Amino acid sequence: MLIRERVRLRNALRGHLAEFGFVFPVGEAGVREAISYVNKADAALLPLAQKALQILACQYETMKKDIASLEKEILAWHKTSEASRRVATIPGIGALSASPYPAKRP
């Protein structure tokens, strides 16, 4: 869900900029360019539109940092869990996918 939200924010930012005639490439490189443009003092955007887009950009950056932090914690936990590491030996299953399965159930 968090990954989908990050993608939604990225697409919303690029989509709204496209409505104003500013098109940026798809993916992380494109969103970097879009965020740089939105944060420029001399961006050719209406002031309120720029402010709204800066909010989207800030939400995107926060979501990106939060996801990276959470993934780092999950990977650290995975390294300490024998059961999670065992599940990760299944072809096509990585550390992030394996980590919820060995969790203790109440």
PDB file of N, CA and C in Angstrom:
ATOM      1  N   MET A   1       0.825  -1.187   0.000  1.00  0.00           N
ATOM      2  CA  MET A   1       0.000   0.000   0.000  1.00  0.00           C
ATOM      3  C   MET A   1       0.875   1.259   0.000  1.00  0.00           C
ATOM      4  N   LEU A   2       1.951   1.241   0.782  1.00  0.00           N
ATOM      5  CA  LEU A   2       2.823   2.414   0.837  1.00  0.00           C
ATOM      6  C   LEU A   2       3.492   2.666  -0.515  1.00  0.00           C
ATOM      7  N   ILE A   3       3.889   1.592  -1.186  1.00  0.00           N
ATOM      8  CA  ILE A   3       4.515   1.742  -2.502  1.00  0.00           C
ATOM      9  C   ILE A   3       3.509   2.321  -3.488  1.00  0.00           C
ATOM     10  N   ARG A   4       2.263   1.816  -3.450  1.00  0.00           N
ATOM     11  CA  ARG A   4       1.224   2.348  -4.350  1.00  0.00           C
ATOM     12  C   ARG A   4       0.982   3.828  -4.082  1.00  0.00           C
ATOM     13  N   GLU A   5       0.983   4.211  -2.821  1.00  0.00           N
ATOM     14  CA  GLU A   5       0.774   5.615  -2.462  1.00  0.00           C
ATOM     15  C   GLU A   5       1.913   6.490  -2.996  1.00  0.00           C
ATOM     16  N   ARG A   6       3.138   5.976  -2.888  1.00  0.00           N
ATOM     17  CA  ARG A   6       4.287   6.723  -3.422  1.00  0.00           C
ATOM     18  C   ARG A   6       4.153   6.902  -4.930  1.00  0.00           C
ATOM     19  N   VAL A   7       3.774   5.856  -5.625  1.00  0.00           N
ATOM     20  CA  VAL A   7       3.589   5.933  -7.073  1.00  0.00           C
ATOM     21  C   VAL A   7       2.447   6.891  -7.407  1.00  0.00           C
ATOM     22  N   ARG A   8       1.366   6.835  -6.626  1.00  0.00           N
ATOM     23  CA  ARG A   8       0.229   7.735  -6.850  1.00  0.00           C
ATOM     24  C   ARG A   8       0.651   9.199  -6.715  1.00  0.00           C
ATOM     25  N   LEU A   9       1.450   9.487  -5.699  1.00  0.00           N
ATOM     26  CA  LEU A   9       1.937  10.857  -5.508  1.00  0.00           C
ATOM     27  C   LEU A   9       2.834  11.282  -6.660  1.00  0.00           C
ATOM     28  N   ARG A  10       3.707  10.389  -7.103  1.00  0.00           N
ATOM     29  CA  ARG A  10       4.604  10.694  -8.227  1.00  0.00           C
ATOM     30  C   ARG A  10       3.786  10.983  -9.482  1.00  0.00           C
ATOM     31  N   ASN A  11       2.793  10.152  -9.760  1.00  0.00           N
ATOM     32  CA  ASN A  11       1.973  10.348 -10.950  1.00  0.00           C
ATOM     33  C   ASN A  11       1.108  11.602 -10.852  1.00  0.00           C
ATOM     34  N   ALA A  12       0.608  11.878  -9.653  1.00  0.00           N
ATOM     35  CA  ALA A  12      -0.205  13.087  -9.463  1.00  0.00           C
ATOM     36  C   ALA A  12       0.625  14.339  -9.723  1.00  0.00           C
ATOM     37  N   LEU A  13       1.830  14.363  -9.211  1.00  0.00           N
ATOM     38  CA  LEU A  13       2.704  15.516  -9.410  1.00  0.00           C
ATOM     39  C   LEU A  13       2.985  15.729 -10.897  1.00  0.00           C
ATOM     40  N   ARG A  14       3.389  14.663 -11.572  1.00  0.00           N
ATOM     41  CA  ARG A  14       3.686  14.767 -13.006  1.00  0.00           C
ATOM     42  C   ARG A  14       2.424  15.113 -13.803  1.00  0.00           C
ATOM     43  N   GLY A  15       1.289  14.517 -13.426  1.00  0.00           N
ATOM     44  CA  GLY A  15       0.036  14.768 -14.139  1.00  0.00           C
ATOM     45  C   GLY A  15      -0.435  16.200 -14.014  1.00  0.00           C
ATOM     46  N   HIS A  16      -0.359  16.738 -12.809  1.00  0.00           N
ATOM     47  CA  HIS A  16      -0.788  18.129 -12.619  1.00  0.00           C
ATOM     48  C   HIS A  16       0.139  19.096 -13.352  1.00  0.00           C
ATOM     49  N   LEU A  17       1.422  18.800 -13.341  1.00  0.00           N
ATOM     50  CA  LEU A  17       2.353  19.651 -14.100  1.00  0.00           C
ATOM     51  C   LEU A  17       2.052  19.577 -15.596  1.00  0.00           C
ATOM     52  N   ALA A  18       1.679  18.404 -16.079  1.00  0.00           N
ATOM     53  CA  ALA A  18       1.339  18.258 -17.497  1.00  0.00           C
ATOM     54  C   ALA A  18       0.115  19.098 -17.862  1.00  0.00           C
ATOM     55  N   GLU A  19      -0.818  19.246 -16.917  1.00  0.00           N
ATOM     56  CA  GLU A  19      -1.990  20.096 -17.156  1.00  0.00           C
ATOM     57  C   GLU A  19      -1.582  21.544 -17.408  1.00  0.00           C
ATOM     58  N   PHE A  20      -0.460  21.951 -16.858  1.00  0.00           N
ATOM     59  CA  PHE A  20       0.055  23.303 -17.065  1.00  0.00           C
ATOM     60  C   PHE A  20       1.037  23.366 -18.236  1.00  0.00           C
ATOM     61  N   GLY A  21       1.229  22.234 -18.915  1.00  0.00           N
ATOM     62  CA  GLY A  21       2.103  22.209 -20.084  1.00  0.00           C
ATOM     63  C   GLY A  21       3.546  21.827 -19.795  1.00  0.00           C
ATOM     64  N   PHE A  22       3.825  21.351 -18.601  1.00  0.00           N
ATOM     65  CA  PHE A  22       5.182  20.968 -18.237  1.00  0.00           C
ATOM     66  C   PHE A  22       5.233  19.443 -18.106  1.00  0.00           C
ATOM     67  N   VAL A  23       5.862  18.802 -19.075  1.00  0.00           N
ATOM     68  CA  VAL A  23       5.898  17.341 -19.126  1.00  0.00           C
ATOM     69  C   VAL A  23       7.283  16.855 -18.708  1.00  0.00           C
ATOM     70  N   PHE A  24       7.292  15.880 -17.804  1.00  0.00           N
ATOM     71  CA  PHE A  24       8.534  15.313 -17.298  1.00  0.00           C
ATOM     72  C   PHE A  24       8.519  13.810 -17.535  1.00  0.00           C
ATOM     73  N   PRO A  25       9.700  13.207 -17.701  1.00  0.00           N
ATOM     74  CA  PRO A  25       9.770  11.765 -17.976  1.00  0.00           C
ATOM     75  C   PRO A  25       9.170  10.921 -16.843  1.00  0.00           C
ATOM     76  N   VAL A  26       8.792   9.703 -17.193  1.00  0.00           N
ATOM     77  CA  VAL A  26       8.261   8.737 -16.237  1.00  0.00           C
ATOM     78  C   VAL A  26       9.402   8.232 -15.346  1.00  0.00           C
ATOM     79  N   GLY A  27       9.087   7.858 -14.132  1.00  0.00           N
ATOM     80  CA  GLY A  27      10.069   7.248 -13.244  1.00  0.00           C
ATOM     81  C   GLY A  27      10.719   8.228 -12.294  1.00  0.00           C
ATOM     82  N   GLU A  28      11.673   7.694 -11.553  1.00  0.00           N
ATOM     83  CA  GLU A  28      12.342   8.473 -10.509  1.00  0.00           C
ATOM     84  C   GLU A  28      13.076   9.690 -11.076  1.00  0.00           C
ATOM     85  N   ALA A  29      13.742   9.527 -12.211  1.00  0.00           N
ATOM     86  CA  ALA A  29      14.472  10.658 -12.804  1.00  0.00           C
ATOM     87  C   ALA A  29      13.503  11.782 -13.177  1.00  0.00           C
ATOM     88  N   GLY A  30      12.373  11.416 -13.722  1.00  0.00           N
ATOM     89  CA  GLY A  30      11.378  12.419 -14.104  1.00  0.00           C
ATOM     90  C   GLY A  30      10.793  13.149 -12.916  1.00  0.00           C
ATOM     91  N   VAL A  31      10.520  12.411 -11.849  1.00  0.00           N
ATOM     92  CA  VAL A  31       9.952  13.063 -10.672  1.00  0.00           C
ATOM     93  C   VAL A  31      10.992  13.965 -10.010  1.00  0.00           C
ATOM     94  N   ARG A  32      12.267  13.595 -10.069  1.00  0.00           N
ATOM     95  CA  ARG A  32      13.338  14.460  -9.557  1.00  0.00           C
ATOM     96  C   ARG A  32      13.308  15.801 -10.295  1.00  0.00           C
ATOM     97  N   GLU A  33      13.223  15.721 -11.628  1.00  0.00           N
ATOM     98  CA  GLU A  33      13.161  16.945 -12.436  1.00  0.00           C
ATOM     99  C   GLU A  33      11.921  17.758 -12.088  1.00  0.00           C
ATOM    100  N   ALA A  34      10.787  17.083 -11.944  1.00  0.00           N
ATOM    101  CA  ALA A  34       9.529  17.766 -11.633  1.00  0.00           C
ATOM    102  C   ALA A  34       9.613  18.477 -10.283  1.00  0.00           C
ATOM    103  N   ILE A  35      10.167  17.800  -9.292  1.00  0.00           N
ATOM    104  CA  ILE A  35      10.291  18.404  -7.963  1.00  0.00           C
ATOM    105  C   ILE A  35      11.240  19.599  -8.005  1.00  0.00           C
ATOM    106  N   SER A  36      12.320  19.472  -8.729  1.00  0.00           N
ATOM    107  CA  SER A  36      13.251  20.602  -8.867  1.00  0.00           C
ATOM    108  C   SER A  36      12.547  21.789  -9.505  1.00  0.00           C
ATOM    109  N   TYR A  37      11.743  21.505 -10.527  1.00  0.00           N
ATOM    110  CA  TYR A  37      11.034  22.590 -11.205  1.00  0.00           C
ATOM    111  C   TYR A  37      10.026  23.254 -10.272  1.00  0.00           C
ATOM    112  N   VAL A  38       9.251  22.453  -9.558  1.00  0.00           N
ATOM    113  CA  VAL A  38       8.221  22.980  -8.656  1.00  0.00           C
ATOM    114  C   VAL A  38       8.841  23.843  -7.569  1.00  0.00           C
ATOM    115  N   ASN A  39      10.042  23.499  -7.129  1.00  0.00           N
ATOM    116  CA  ASN A  39      10.686  24.239  -6.042  1.00  0.00           C
ATOM    117  C   ASN A  39      11.486  25.458  -6.517  1.00  0.00           C
ATOM    118  N   LYS A  40      11.563  25.659  -7.835  1.00  0.00           N
ATOM    119  CA  LYS A  40      12.267  26.841  -8.349  1.00  0.00           C
ATOM    120  C   LYS A  40      11.458  28.103  -8.055  1.00  0.00           C
ATOM    121  N   ALA A  41      12.135  29.124  -7.604  1.00  0.00           N
ATOM    122  CA  ALA A  41      11.463  30.383  -7.309  1.00  0.00           C
ATOM    123  C   ALA A  41      10.872  31.009  -8.573  1.00  0.00           C
ATOM    124  N   ASP A  42      11.520  30.788  -9.720  1.00  0.00           N
ATOM    125  CA  ASP A  42      11.061  31.413 -10.967  1.00  0.00           C
ATOM    126  C   ASP A  42      10.273  30.441 -11.858  1.00  0.00           C
ATOM    127  N   ALA A  43       9.688  29.385 -11.265  1.00  0.00           N
ATOM    128  CA  ALA A  43       8.877  28.440 -12.045  1.00  0.00           C
ATOM    129  C   ALA A  43       7.693  29.191 -12.651  1.00  0.00           C
ATOM    130  N   ALA A  44       7.377  28.862 -13.894  1.00  0.00           N
ATOM    131  CA  ALA A  44       6.283  29.535 -14.605  1.00  0.00           C
ATOM    132  C   ALA A  44       4.942  28.908 -14.232  1.00  0.00           C
ATOM    133  N   LEU A  45       4.622  28.958 -12.946  1.00  0.00           N
ATOM    134  CA  LEU A  45       3.375  28.404 -12.439  1.00  0.00           C
ATOM    135  C   LEU A  45       2.624  29.477 -11.670  1.00  0.00           C
ATOM    136  N   LEU A  46       1.303  29.353 -11.630  1.00  0.00           N
ATOM    137  CA  LEU A  46       0.530  30.239 -10.775  1.00  0.00           C
ATOM    138  C   LEU A  46       0.962  29.991  -9.330  1.00  0.00           C
ATOM    139  N   PRO A  47       1.078  31.032  -8.525  1.00  0.00           N
ATOM    140  CA  PRO A  47       1.579  30.861  -7.153  1.00  0.00           C
ATOM    141  C   PRO A  47       0.827  29.810  -6.334  1.00  0.00           C
ATOM    142  N   LEU A  48      -0.508  29.787  -6.426  1.00  0.00           N
ATOM    143  CA  LEU A  48      -1.264  28.800  -5.654  1.00  0.00           C
ATOM    144  C   LEU A  48      -1.070  27.389  -6.201  1.00  0.00           C
ATOM    145  N   ALA A  49      -0.938  27.262  -7.509  1.00  0.00           N
ATOM    146  CA  ALA A  49      -0.670  25.958  -8.113  1.00  0.00           C
ATOM    147  C   ALA A  49       0.706  25.466  -7.665  1.00  0.00           C
ATOM    148  N   GLN A  50       1.672  26.366  -7.666  1.00  0.00           N
ATOM    149  CA  GLN A  50       3.016  25.990  -7.235  1.00  0.00           C
ATOM    150  C   GLN A  50       3.002  25.541  -5.786  1.00  0.00           C
ATOM    151  N   LYS A  51       2.266  26.242  -4.948  1.00  0.00           N
ATOM    152  CA  LYS A  51       2.182  25.873  -3.535  1.00  0.00           C
ATOM    153  C   LYS A  51       1.553  24.489  -3.380  1.00  0.00           C
ATOM    154  N   ALA A  52       0.485  24.212  -4.103  1.00  0.00           N
ATOM    155  CA  ALA A  52      -0.176  22.905  -4.040  1.00  0.00           C
ATOM    156  C   ALA A  52       0.767  21.802  -4.531  1.00  0.00           C
ATOM    157  N   LEU A  53       1.493  22.077  -5.605  1.00  0.00           N
ATOM    158  CA  LEU A  53       2.428  21.090  -6.143  1.00  0.00           C
ATOM    159  C   LEU A  53       3.608  20.871  -5.204  1.00  0.00           C
ATOM    160  N   GLN A  54       4.024  21.905  -4.498  1.00  0.00           N
ATOM    161  CA  GLN A  54       5.088  21.744  -3.501  1.00  0.00           C
ATOM    162  C   GLN A  54       4.631  20.839  -2.359  1.00  0.00           C
ATOM    163  N   ILE A  55       3.347  20.922  -2.010  1.00  0.00           N
ATOM    164  CA  ILE A  55       2.814  20.032  -0.977  1.00  0.00           C
ATOM    165  C   ILE A  55       2.876  18.588  -1.456  1.00  0.00           C
ATOM    166  N   LEU A  56       2.475  18.338  -2.716  1.00  0.00           N
ATOM    167  CA  LEU A  56       2.564  16.988  -3.273  1.00  0.00           C
ATOM    168  C   LEU A  56       4.010  16.503  -3.285  1.00  0.00           C
ATOM    169  N   ALA A  57       4.918  17.383  -3.691  1.00  0.00           N
ATOM    170  CA  ALA A  57       6.339  17.026  -3.743  1.00  0.00           C
ATOM    171  C   ALA A  57       6.860  16.677  -2.349  1.00  0.00           C
ATOM    172  N   CYS A  58       6.461  17.444  -1.354  1.00  0.00           N
ATOM    173  CA  CYS A  58       6.880  17.195   0.024  1.00  0.00           C
ATOM    174  C   CYS A  58       6.320  15.859   0.521  1.00  0.00           C
ATOM    175  N   GLN A  59       5.061  15.579   0.211  1.00  0.00           N
ATOM    176  CA  GLN A  59       4.460  14.307   0.598  1.00  0.00           C
ATOM    177  C   GLN A  59       5.195  13.148  -0.066  1.00  0.00           C
ATOM    178  N   TYR A  60       5.557  13.321  -1.333  1.00  0.00           N
ATOM    179  CA  TYR A  60       6.287  12.282  -2.058  1.00  0.00           C
ATOM    180  C   TYR A  60       7.637  12.022  -1.389  1.00  0.00           C
ATOM    181  N   GLU A  61       8.364  13.085  -1.094  1.00  0.00           N
ATOM    182  CA  GLU A  61       9.678  12.947  -0.462  1.00  0.00           C
ATOM    183  C   GLU A  61       9.573  12.270   0.901  1.00  0.00           C
ATOM    184  N   THR A  62       8.573  12.654   1.679  1.00  0.00           N
ATOM    185  CA  THR A  62       8.372  12.062   2.996  1.00  0.00           C
ATOM    186  C   THR A  62       8.038  10.582   2.865  1.00  0.00           C
ATOM    187  N   MET A  63       7.141  10.253   1.942  1.00  0.00           N
ATOM    188  CA  MET A  63       6.746   8.864   1.730  1.00  0.00           C
ATOM    189  C   MET A  63       7.952   8.034   1.292  1.00  0.00           C
ATOM    190  N   LYS A  64       8.754   8.591   0.411  1.00  0.00           N
ATOM    191  CA  LYS A  64       9.939   7.885  -0.080  1.00  0.00           C
ATOM    192  C   LYS A  64      10.905   7.590   1.075  1.00  0.00           C
ATOM    193  N   LYS A  65      11.154   8.570   1.933  1.00  0.00           N
ATOM    194  CA  LYS A  65      12.049   8.382   3.082  1.00  0.00           C
ATOM    195  C   LYS A  65      11.474   7.379   4.075  1.00  0.00           C
ATOM    196  N   ASP A  66      10.175   7.466   4.326  1.00  0.00           N
ATOM    197  CA  ASP A  66       9.537   6.551   5.271  1.00  0.00           C
ATOM    198  C   ASP A  66       9.616   5.109   4.779  1.00  0.00           C
ATOM    199  N   ILE A  67       9.380   4.895   3.492  1.00  0.00           N
ATOM    200  CA  ILE A  67       9.447   3.554   2.920  1.00  0.00           C
ATOM    201  C   ILE A  67      10.872   3.015   3.009  1.00  0.00           C
ATOM    202  N   ALA A  68      11.848   3.832   2.671  1.00  0.00           N
ATOM    203  CA  ALA A  68      13.246   3.396   2.737  1.00  0.00           C
ATOM    204  C   ALA A  68      13.632   3.022   4.166  1.00  0.00           C
ATOM    205  N   SER A  69      13.196   3.806   5.130  1.00  0.00           N
ATOM    206  CA  SER A  69      13.491   3.533   6.535  1.00  0.00           C
ATOM    207  C   SER A  69      12.840   2.226   6.981  1.00  0.00           C
ATOM    208  N   LEU A  70      11.588   2.041   6.617  1.00  0.00           N
ATOM    209  CA  LEU A  70      10.877   0.824   6.987  1.00  0.00           C
ATOM    210  C   LEU A  70      11.511  -0.403   6.338  1.00  0.00           C
ATOM    211  N   GLU A  71      11.883  -0.307   5.073  1.00  0.00           N
ATOM    212  CA  GLU A  71      12.534  -1.423   4.392  1.00  0.00           C
ATOM    213  C   GLU A  71      13.854  -1.780   5.074  1.00  0.00           C
ATOM    214  N   LYS A  72      14.584  -0.769   5.496  1.00  0.00           N
ATOM    215  CA  LYS A  72      15.853  -1.002   6.190  1.00  0.00           C
ATOM    216  C   LYS A  72      15.616  -1.760   7.503  1.00  0.00           C
ATOM    217  N   GLU A  73      14.584  -1.375   8.235  1.00  0.00           N
ATOM    218  CA  GLU A  73      14.250  -2.061   9.488  1.00  0.00           C
ATOM    219  C   GLU A  73      13.809  -3.501   9.229  1.00  0.00           C
ATOM    220  N   ILE A  74      13.006  -3.708   8.185  1.00  0.00           N
ATOM    221  CA  ILE A  74      12.550  -5.062   7.850  1.00  0.00           C
ATOM    222  C   ILE A  74      13.737  -5.942   7.487  1.00  0.00           C
ATOM    223  N   LEU A  75      14.653  -5.412   6.686  1.00  0.00           N
ATOM    224  CA  LEU A  75      15.829  -6.192   6.294  1.00  0.00           C
ATOM    225  C   LEU A  75      16.713  -6.524   7.495  1.00  0.00           C
ATOM    226  N   ALA A  76      16.847  -5.588   8.416  1.00  0.00           N
ATOM    227  CA  ALA A  76      17.631  -5.848   9.627  1.00  0.00           C
ATOM    228  C   ALA A  76      16.976  -6.945  10.450  1.00  0.00           C
ATOM    229  N   TRP A  77      15.651  -6.890  10.586  1.00  0.00           N
ATOM    230  CA  TRP A  77      14.941  -7.933  11.325  1.00  0.00           C
ATOM    231  C   TRP A  77      15.085  -9.270  10.608  1.00  0.00           C
ATOM    232  N   HIS A  78      14.958  -9.264   9.292  1.00  0.00           N
ATOM    233  CA  HIS A  78      15.061 -10.485   8.482  1.00  0.00           C
ATOM    234  C   HIS A  78      16.394 -11.198   8.752  1.00  0.00           C
ATOM    235  N   LYS A  79      17.462 -10.435   8.868  1.00  0.00           N
ATOM    236  CA  LYS A  79      18.783 -11.022   9.114  1.00  0.00           C
ATOM    237  C   LYS A  79      18.856 -11.731  10.466  1.00  0.00           C
ATOM    238  N   THR A  80      18.010 -11.324  11.406  1.00  0.00           N
ATOM    239  CA  THR A  80      18.032 -11.938  12.741  1.00  0.00           C
ATOM    240  C   THR A  80      17.047 -13.096  12.866  1.00  0.00           C
ATOM    241  N   SER A  81      16.194 -13.286  11.877  1.00  0.00           N
ATOM    242  CA  SER A  81      15.155 -14.308  11.962  1.00  0.00           C
ATOM    243  C   SER A  81      15.509 -15.523  11.108  1.00  0.00           C
ATOM    244  N   GLU A  82      15.767 -16.627  11.774  1.00  0.00           N
ATOM    245  CA  GLU A  82      16.093 -17.852  11.047  1.00  0.00           C
ATOM    246  C   GLU A  82      14.916 -18.282  10.172  1.00  0.00           C
ATOM    247  N   ALA A  83      13.702 -18.179  10.695  1.00  0.00           N
ATOM    248  CA  ALA A  83      12.520 -18.590   9.935  1.00  0.00           C
ATOM    249  C   ALA A  83      12.341 -17.732   8.676  1.00  0.00           C
ATOM    250  N   SER A  84      12.532 -16.441   8.800  1.00  0.00           N
ATOM    251  CA  SER A  84      12.404 -15.546   7.646  1.00  0.00           C
ATOM    252  C   SER A  84      13.472 -15.850   6.602  1.00  0.00           C
ATOM    253  N   ARG A  85      14.676 -16.102   7.052  1.00  0.00           N
ATOM    254  CA  ARG A  85      15.760 -16.440   6.109  1.00  0.00           C
ATOM    255  C   ARG A  85      15.472 -17.760   5.406  1.00  0.00           C
ATOM    256  N   ARG A  86      14.871 -18.696   6.118  1.00  0.00           N
ATOM    257  CA  ARG A  86      14.519 -19.984   5.523  1.00  0.00           C
ATOM    258  C   ARG A  86      13.450 -19.794   4.435  1.00  0.00           C
ATOM    259  N   VAL A  87      12.440 -18.979   4.725  1.00  0.00           N
ATOM    260  CA  VAL A  87      11.394 -18.716   3.729  1.00  0.00           C
ATOM    261  C   VAL A  87      11.999 -18.042   2.498  1.00  0.00           C
ATOM    262  N   ALA A  88      12.996 -17.181   2.699  1.00  0.00           N
ATOM    263  CA  ALA A  88      13.622 -16.456   1.591  1.00  0.00           C
ATOM    264  C   ALA A  88      14.420 -17.363   0.667  1.00  0.00           C
ATOM    265  N   THR A  89      14.661 -18.605   1.066  1.00  0.00           N
ATOM    266  CA  THR A  89      15.375 -19.525   0.172  1.00  0.00           C
ATOM    267  C   THR A  89      14.478 -20.057  -0.931  1.00  0.00           C
ATOM    268  N   ILE A  90      13.178 -19.849  -0.821  1.00  0.00           N
ATOM    269  CA  ILE A  90      12.239 -20.271  -1.868  1.00  0.00           C
ATOM    270  C   ILE A  90      12.471 -19.380  -3.085  1.00  0.00           C
ATOM    271  N   PRO A  91      12.641 -19.975  -4.270  1.00  0.00           N
ATOM    272  CA  PRO A  91      12.864 -19.161  -5.474  1.00  0.00           C
ATOM    273  C   PRO A  91      11.733 -18.133  -5.679  1.00  0.00           C
ATOM    274  N   GLY A  92      12.131 -16.910  -5.943  1.00  0.00           N
ATOM    275  CA  GLY A  92      11.177 -15.832  -6.169  1.00  0.00           C
ATOM    276  C   GLY A  92      10.749 -15.106  -4.907  1.00  0.00           C
ATOM    277  N   ILE A  93      11.204 -15.561  -3.763  1.00  0.00           N
ATOM    278  CA  ILE A  93      10.866 -14.909  -2.486  1.00  0.00           C
ATOM    279  C   ILE A  93      12.117 -14.224  -1.950  1.00  0.00           C
ATOM    280  N   GLY A  94      12.006 -12.942  -1.710  1.00  0.00           N
ATOM    281  CA  GLY A  94      13.127 -12.190  -1.163  1.00  0.00           C
ATOM    282  C   GLY A  94      12.899 -11.877   0.304  1.00  0.00           C
ATOM    283  N   ALA A  95      13.804 -11.112   0.856  1.00  0.00           N
ATOM    284  CA  ALA A  95      13.755 -10.782   2.281  1.00  0.00           C
ATOM    285  C   ALA A  95      12.472 -10.044   2.653  1.00  0.00           C
ATOM    286  N   LEU A  96      12.060  -9.075   1.839  1.00  0.00           N
ATOM    287  CA  LEU A  96      10.857  -8.308   2.170  1.00  0.00           C
ATOM    288  C   LEU A  96       9.604  -9.166   2.086  1.00  0.00           C
ATOM    289  N   SER A  97       9.558 -10.056   1.112  1.00  0.00           N
ATOM    290  CA  SER A  97       8.395 -10.939   0.975  1.00  0.00           C
ATOM    291  C   SER A  97       8.368 -12.010   2.044  1.00  0.00           C
ATOM    292  N   ALA A  98       9.528 -12.456   2.476  1.00  0.00           N
ATOM    293  CA  ALA A  98       9.614 -13.541   3.457  1.00  0.00           C
ATOM    294  C   ALA A  98       9.342 -13.069   4.874  1.00  0.00           C
ATOM    295  N   SER A  99       9.592 -11.829   5.160  1.00  0.00           N
ATOM    296  CA  SER A  99       9.557 -11.367   6.550  1.00  0.00           C
ATOM    297  C   SER A  99       8.208 -11.493   7.251  1.00  0.00           C
ATOM    298  N   PRO A 100       7.051 -11.351   6.601  1.00  0.00           N
ATOM    299  CA  PRO A 100       5.808 -11.460   7.380  1.00  0.00           C
ATOM    300  C   PRO A 100       5.428 -12.884   7.765  1.00  0.00           C
ATOM    301  N   TYR A 101       5.890 -13.893   7.057  1.00  0.00           N
ATOM    302  CA  TYR A 101       5.415 -15.254   7.276  1.00  0.00           C
ATOM    303  C   TYR A 101       5.826 -15.859   8.611  1.00  0.00           C
ATOM    304  N   PRO A 102       7.058 -15.693   9.055  1.00  0.00           N
ATOM    305  CA  PRO A 102       7.428 -16.326  10.328  1.00  0.00           C
ATOM    306  C   PRO A 102       7.039 -15.505  11.556  1.00  0.00           C
ATOM    307  N   ALA A 103       6.306 -14.435  11.379  1.00  0.00           N
ATOM    308  CA  ALA A 103       5.932 -13.599  12.538  1.00  0.00           C
ATOM    309  C   ALA A 103       5.114 -14.426  13.528  1.00  0.00           C
ATOM    310  N   LYS A 104       5.343 -14.167  14.793  1.00  0.00           N
ATOM    311  CA  LYS A 104       4.598 -14.893  15.830  1.00  0.00           C
ATOM    312  C   LYS A 104       3.148 -14.485  15.787  1.00  0.00           C
ATOM    313  N   ARG A 105       2.295 -15.453  15.927  1.00  0.00           N
ATOM    314  CA  ARG A 105       0.856 -15.221  15.952  1.00  0.00           C
ATOM    315  C   ARG A 105       0.378 -15.250  17.394  1.00  0.00           C
ATOM    316  N   PRO A 106      -0.606 -14.415  17.743  1.00  0.00           N
ATOM    317  CA  PRO A 106      -1.113 -14.419  19.132  1.00  0.00           C
ATOM    318  C   PRO A 106      -1.829 -15.718  19.459  1.00  0.00           C
TER     319      PRO A 106
END
